């Protein structure tokens, strides 16, 4: 009898906690299929940054940063001015090596840099690609987090082929 009583108390607490804390729901999933173009001639893998800004233009999440030497990070101009130059430890923590031309399927949670779920609202995905002795591209894709699946195709640029982006609610 005591076990049933404890079970009922536990179940009611779990139910109350779910109602009282609706933000505990899983964040949306962001799927990005990034395709870097093969270039002719001398080829250096590009530095790439991808991040999300809120509707006020404030960066809320750096999704990726592919780079080789830190001294060239300032060449990823928009990302550097908005995020990179402010926190060297953060930059070191998210950096990974540059990638050769090819297709890169990536998945992220719709969270901010502090791992908190992004609120419903309007955001913009940015992808900035810069290559030594090469070109520069910055791509933007506005999107809405609103529990509705959205898919986007970003047009090819000098540095990228077509990019696929999807917002998948959990």
C-alpha atoms as a PDB file:
ATOM      1  CA  UNK A   1       0.000   0.000   0.000  1.00  0.00           C
ATOM      2  CA  UNK A   2       2.873   2.371   0.853  1.00  0.00           C
ATOM      3  CA  UNK A   3       4.454   1.673  -2.553  1.00  0.00           C
ATOM      4  CA  UNK A   4       1.254   2.695  -4.355  1.00  0.00           C
ATOM      5  CA  UNK A   5       1.044   5.895  -2.302  1.00  0.00           C
ATOM      6  CA  UNK A   6       4.665   6.774  -3.051  1.00  0.00           C
ATOM      7  CA  UNK A   7       4.128   5.991  -6.719  1.00  0.00           C
ATOM      8  CA  UNK A   8       1.072   8.292  -6.859  1.00  0.00           C
ATOM      9  CA  UNK A   9       3.007  11.084  -5.155  1.00  0.00           C
ATOM     10  CA  UNK A  10       5.911  10.647  -7.569  1.00  0.00           C
ATOM     11  CA  UNK A  11       3.628  10.604 -10.628  1.00  0.00           C
ATOM     12  CA  UNK A  12       1.781  13.740  -9.512  1.00  0.00           C
ATOM     13  CA  UNK A  13       5.111  15.509  -8.860  1.00  0.00           C
ATOM     14  CA  UNK A  14       6.367  14.568 -12.345  1.00  0.00           C
ATOM     15  CA  UNK A  15       3.124  15.779 -13.934  1.00  0.00           C
ATOM     16  CA  UNK A  16       3.203  19.041 -11.903  1.00  0.00           C
ATOM     17  CA  UNK A  17       6.853  19.606 -12.824  1.00  0.00           C
ATOM     18  CA  UNK A  18       6.112  19.180 -16.539  1.00  0.00           C
ATOM     19  CA  UNK A  19       3.250  21.716 -16.362  1.00  0.00           C
ATOM     20  CA  UNK A  20       5.143  24.154 -14.147  1.00  0.00           C
ATOM     21  CA  UNK A  21       8.279  24.016 -16.310  1.00  0.00           C
ATOM     22  CA  UNK A  22       7.169  23.838 -19.948  1.00  0.00           C
ATOM     23  CA  UNK A  23      10.610  25.103 -21.017  1.00  0.00           C
ATOM     24  CA  UNK A  24      11.934  21.638 -20.215  1.00  0.00           C
ATOM     25  CA  UNK A  25      10.777  20.526 -23.654  1.00  0.00           C
ATOM     26  CA  UNK A  26      13.538  19.479 -26.002  1.00  0.00           C
ATOM     27  CA  UNK A  27      14.903  22.219 -28.252  1.00  0.00           C
ATOM     28  CA  UNK A  28      14.323  22.101 -31.990  1.00  0.00           C
ATOM     29  CA  UNK A  29      16.939  20.434 -34.131  1.00  0.00           C
ATOM     30  CA  UNK A  30      18.838  22.391 -36.780  1.00  0.00           C
ATOM     31  CA  UNK A  31      20.139  20.403 -39.733  1.00  0.00           C
ATOM     32  CA  UNK A  32      22.696  21.989 -42.006  1.00  0.00           C
ATOM     33  CA  UNK A  33      24.198  20.376 -45.078  1.00  0.00           C
ATOM     34  CA  UNK A  34      27.149  22.607 -45.884  1.00  0.00           C
ATOM     35  CA  UNK A  35      28.879  22.039 -49.213  1.00  0.00           C
ATOM     36  CA  UNK A  36      32.244  23.670 -49.882  1.00  0.00           C
ATOM     37  CA  UNK A  37      33.129  24.036 -53.564  1.00  0.00           C
ATOM     38  CA  UNK A  38      36.237  22.575 -55.104  1.00  0.00           C
ATOM     39  CA  UNK A  39      38.326  25.437 -56.437  1.00  0.00           C
ATOM     40  CA  UNK A  40      40.773  25.391 -59.334  1.00  0.00           C
ATOM     41  CA  UNK A  41      44.428  26.306 -58.956  1.00  0.00           C
ATOM     42  CA  UNK A  42      46.128  26.810 -55.607  1.00  0.00           C
ATOM     43  CA  UNK A  43      43.641  25.618 -53.016  1.00  0.00           C
ATOM     44  CA  UNK A  44      43.557  26.417 -49.316  1.00  0.00           C
ATOM     45  CA  UNK A  45      40.704  25.007 -47.242  1.00  0.00           C
ATOM     46  CA  UNK A  46      38.482  27.903 -46.190  1.00  0.00           C
ATOM     47  CA  UNK A  47      37.902  29.276 -42.748  1.00  0.00           C
ATOM     48  CA  UNK A  48      34.192  28.853 -41.991  1.00  0.00           C
ATOM     49  CA  UNK A  49      31.989  30.245 -39.248  1.00  0.00           C
ATOM     50  CA  UNK A  50      28.283  29.622 -38.847  1.00  0.00           C
ATOM     51  CA  UNK A  51      26.172  31.272 -36.178  1.00  0.00           C
ATOM     52  CA  UNK A  52      22.656  32.368 -35.288  1.00  0.00           C
ATOM     53  CA  UNK A  53      21.524  35.918 -34.525  1.00  0.00           C
ATOM     54  CA  UNK A  54      18.225  36.871 -32.922  1.00  0.00           C
ATOM     55  CA  UNK A  55      15.777  39.401 -34.395  1.00  0.00           C
ATOM     56  CA  UNK A  56      17.773  42.267 -32.834  1.00  0.00           C
ATOM     57  CA  UNK A  57      20.950  41.150 -34.654  1.00  0.00           C
ATOM     58  CA  UNK A  58      22.584  39.836 -31.476  1.00  0.00           C
ATOM     59  CA  UNK A  59      24.574  36.603 -31.871  1.00  0.00           C
ATOM     60  CA  UNK A  60      23.057  33.884 -29.694  1.00  0.00           C
ATOM     61  CA  UNK A  61      24.911  30.766 -30.861  1.00  0.00           C
ATOM     62  CA  UNK A  62      28.065  29.962 -32.780  1.00  0.00           C
ATOM     63  CA  UNK A  63      27.371  26.643 -34.471  1.00  0.00           C
ATOM     64  CA  UNK A  64      30.802  26.030 -35.926  1.00  0.00           C
ATOM     65  CA  UNK A  65      34.190  27.586 -36.453  1.00  0.00           C
ATOM     66  CA  UNK A  66      36.633  25.866 -38.781  1.00  0.00           C
ATOM     67  CA  UNK A  67      40.049  27.469 -38.864  1.00  0.00           C
ATOM     68  CA  UNK A  68      43.765  26.840 -38.905  1.00  0.00           C
ATOM     69  CA  UNK A  69      45.729  29.793 -37.535  1.00  0.00           C
ATOM     70  CA  UNK A  70      44.110  32.107 -34.991  1.00  0.00           C
ATOM     71  CA  UNK A  71      45.762  35.201 -36.472  1.00  0.00           C
ATOM     72  CA  UNK A  72      43.517  34.930 -39.565  1.00  0.00           C
ATOM     73  CA  UNK A  73      40.227  34.755 -37.639  1.00  0.00           C
ATOM     74  CA  UNK A  74      39.680  38.481 -38.132  1.00  0.00           C
ATOM     75  CA  UNK A  75      39.246  37.716 -41.849  1.00  0.00           C
ATOM     76  CA  UNK A  76      35.913  36.082 -40.979  1.00  0.00           C
ATOM     77  CA  UNK A  77      34.823  39.688 -40.623  1.00  0.00           C
ATOM     78  CA  UNK A  78      31.202  39.689 -39.518  1.00  0.00           C
ATOM     79  CA  UNK A  79      31.579  36.778 -37.105  1.00  0.00           C
ATOM     80  CA  UNK A  80      34.828  38.224 -35.719  1.00  0.00           C
ATOM     81  CA  UNK A  81      33.304  41.650 -35.020  1.00  0.00           C
ATOM     82  CA  UNK A  82      30.165  40.212 -33.423  1.00  0.00           C
ATOM     83  CA  UNK A  83      31.567  37.211 -31.528  1.00  0.00           C
ATOM     84  CA  UNK A  84      35.208  36.234 -31.976  1.00  0.00           C
ATOM     85  CA  UNK A  85      37.158  39.216 -30.719  1.00  0.00           C
ATOM     86  CA  UNK A  86      35.229  39.301 -27.424  1.00  0.00           C
ATOM     87  CA  UNK A  87      36.198  35.950 -25.872  1.00  0.00           C
ATOM     88  CA  UNK A  88      39.385  34.070 -26.797  1.00  0.00           C
ATOM     89  CA  UNK A  89      38.567  31.145 -24.477  1.00  0.00           C
ATOM     90  CA  UNK A  90      35.165  30.687 -26.129  1.00  0.00           C
ATOM     91  CA  UNK A  91      36.801  30.731 -29.584  1.00  0.00           C
ATOM     92  CA  UNK A  92      39.330  28.097 -28.526  1.00  0.00           C
ATOM     93  CA  UNK A  93      36.547  25.950 -27.114  1.00  0.00           C
ATOM     94  CA  UNK A  94      34.507  25.786 -30.332  1.00  0.00           C
ATOM     95  CA  UNK A  95      37.262  25.707 -32.948  1.00  0.00           C
ATOM     96  CA  UNK A  96      37.973  22.728 -35.136  1.00  0.00           C
ATOM     97  CA  UNK A  97      40.217  22.232 -38.161  1.00  0.00           C
ATOM     98  CA  UNK A  98      39.452  23.515 -41.633  1.00  0.00           C
ATOM     99  CA  UNK A  99      37.805  21.097 -44.061  1.00  0.00           C
ATOM    100  CA  UNK A 100      38.556  20.335 -47.698  1.00  0.00           C
ATOM    101  CA  UNK A 101      35.960  20.771 -50.423  1.00  0.00           C
ATOM    102  CA  UNK A 102      33.009  18.451 -49.920  1.00  0.00           C
ATOM    103  CA  UNK A 103      29.595  17.959 -48.347  1.00  0.00           C
ATOM    104  CA  UNK A 104      29.234  18.166 -44.566  1.00  0.00           C
ATOM    105  CA  UNK A 105      25.955  17.117 -42.931  1.00  0.00           C
ATOM    106  CA  UNK A 106      25.742  18.747 -39.490  1.00  0.00           C
ATOM    107  CA  UNK A 107      23.130  18.697 -36.735  1.00  0.00           C
ATOM    108  CA  UNK A 108      22.743  21.128 -33.841  1.00  0.00           C
ATOM    109  CA  UNK A 109      20.221  21.784 -31.103  1.00  0.00           C
ATOM    110  CA  UNK A 110      18.475  25.169 -31.173  1.00  0.00           C
ATOM    111  CA  UNK A 111      20.283  26.345 -28.054  1.00  0.00           C
ATOM    112  CA  UNK A 112      22.265  29.440 -27.198  1.00  0.00           C
ATOM    113  CA  UNK A 113      25.964  29.383 -26.346  1.00  0.00           C
ATOM    114  CA  UNK A 114      25.049  28.665 -22.693  1.00  0.00           C
ATOM    115  CA  UNK A 115      23.114  25.512 -23.765  1.00  0.00           C
ATOM    116  CA  UNK A 116      19.671  27.033 -23.029  1.00  0.00           C
ATOM    117  CA  UNK A 117      16.876  26.385 -25.544  1.00  0.00           C
ATOM    118  CA  UNK A 118      16.243  29.282 -27.899  1.00  0.00           C
ATOM    119  CA  UNK A 119      12.837  30.872 -27.411  1.00  0.00           C
ATOM    120  CA  UNK A 120      10.216  30.916 -30.129  1.00  0.00           C
ATOM    121  CA  UNK A 121      10.838  33.793 -32.474  1.00  0.00           C
ATOM    122  CA  UNK A 122      12.697  35.048 -35.508  1.00  0.00           C
ATOM    123  CA  UNK A 123      16.371  34.281 -36.085  1.00  0.00           C
ATOM    124  CA  UNK A 124      18.913  34.399 -38.878  1.00  0.00           C
ATOM    125  CA  UNK A 125      21.421  31.691 -39.756  1.00  0.00           C
ATOM    126  CA  UNK A 126      24.746  33.069 -41.016  1.00  0.00           C
ATOM    127  CA  UNK A 127      27.486  31.175 -42.823  1.00  0.00           C
ATOM    128  CA  UNK A 128      30.719  33.027 -43.568  1.00  0.00           C
ATOM    129  CA  UNK A 129      33.371  31.376 -45.752  1.00  0.00           C
ATOM    130  CA  UNK A 130      36.804  32.935 -46.362  1.00  0.00           C
ATOM    131  CA  UNK A 131      39.740  31.446 -48.237  1.00  0.00           C
ATOM    132  CA  UNK A 132      43.374  32.538 -48.518  1.00  0.00           C
ATOM    133  CA  UNK A 133      44.087  33.549 -52.112  1.00  0.00           C
ATOM    134  CA  UNK A 134      40.430  32.908 -52.749  1.00  0.00           C
ATOM    135  CA  UNK A 135      37.041  34.328 -52.267  1.00  0.00           C
ATOM    136  CA  UNK A 136      34.713  35.346 -49.527  1.00  0.00           C
ATOM    137  CA  UNK A 137      31.049  34.549 -49.082  1.00  0.00           C
ATOM    138  CA  UNK A 138      28.483  35.373 -46.452  1.00  0.00           C
ATOM    139  CA  UNK A 139      25.127  33.664 -46.617  1.00  0.00           C
ATOM    140  CA  UNK A 140      22.029  34.552 -44.579  1.00  0.00           C
ATOM    141  CA  UNK A 141      18.836  32.613 -44.020  1.00  0.00           C
ATOM    142  CA  UNK A 142      16.066  34.042 -41.823  1.00  0.00           C
ATOM    143  CA  UNK A 143      13.999  31.406 -40.018  1.00  0.00           C
ATOM    144  CA  UNK A 144      11.389  31.143 -37.290  1.00  0.00           C
ATOM    145  CA  UNK A 145      11.365  28.836 -34.301  1.00  0.00           C
ATOM    146  CA  UNK A 146       7.680  28.082 -33.827  1.00  0.00           C
ATOM    147  CA  UNK A 147       7.255  24.292 -33.569  1.00  0.00           C
ATOM    148  CA  UNK A 148       6.738  24.036 -37.335  1.00  0.00           C
ATOM    149  CA  UNK A 149       9.138  22.209 -39.632  1.00  0.00           C
ATOM    150  CA  UNK A 150      10.896  24.537 -42.078  1.00  0.00           C
ATOM    151  CA  UNK A 151      13.337  23.718 -44.851  1.00  0.00           C
ATOM    152  CA  UNK A 152      15.467  26.100 -46.876  1.00  0.00           C
ATOM    153  CA  UNK A 153      17.847  25.902 -49.810  1.00  0.00           C
ATOM    154  CA  UNK A 154      20.563  28.549 -49.893  1.00  0.00           C
ATOM    155  CA  UNK A 155      21.785  29.419 -53.376  1.00  0.00           C
ATOM    156  CA  UNK A 156      25.343  28.555 -54.386  1.00  0.00           C
ATOM    157  CA  UNK A 157      28.023  31.179 -53.884  1.00  0.00           C
ATOM    158  CA  UNK A 158      31.574  31.514 -55.174  1.00  0.00           C
ATOM    159  CA  UNK A 159      32.767  29.414 -52.191  1.00  0.00           C
ATOM    160  CA  UNK A 160      29.818  27.073 -51.608  1.00  0.00           C
ATOM    161  CA  UNK A 161      27.482  24.855 -53.549  1.00  0.00           C
ATOM    162  CA  UNK A 162      23.803  24.731 -52.662  1.00  0.00           C
ATOM    163  CA  UNK A 163      23.300  24.492 -48.892  1.00  0.00           C
ATOM    164  CA  UNK A 164      20.351  22.778 -47.232  1.00  0.00           C
ATOM    165  CA  UNK A 165      19.027  24.013 -43.879  1.00  0.00           C
ATOM    166  CA  UNK A 166      16.122  22.602 -41.870  1.00  0.00           C
ATOM    167  CA  UNK A 167      14.459  23.435 -38.562  1.00  0.00           C
ATOM    168  CA  UNK A 168      12.860  20.342 -37.037  1.00  0.00           C
ATOM    169  CA  UNK A 169      10.706  20.723 -33.925  1.00  0.00           C
ATOM    170  CA  UNK A 170      11.149  18.080 -31.224  1.00  0.00           C
END
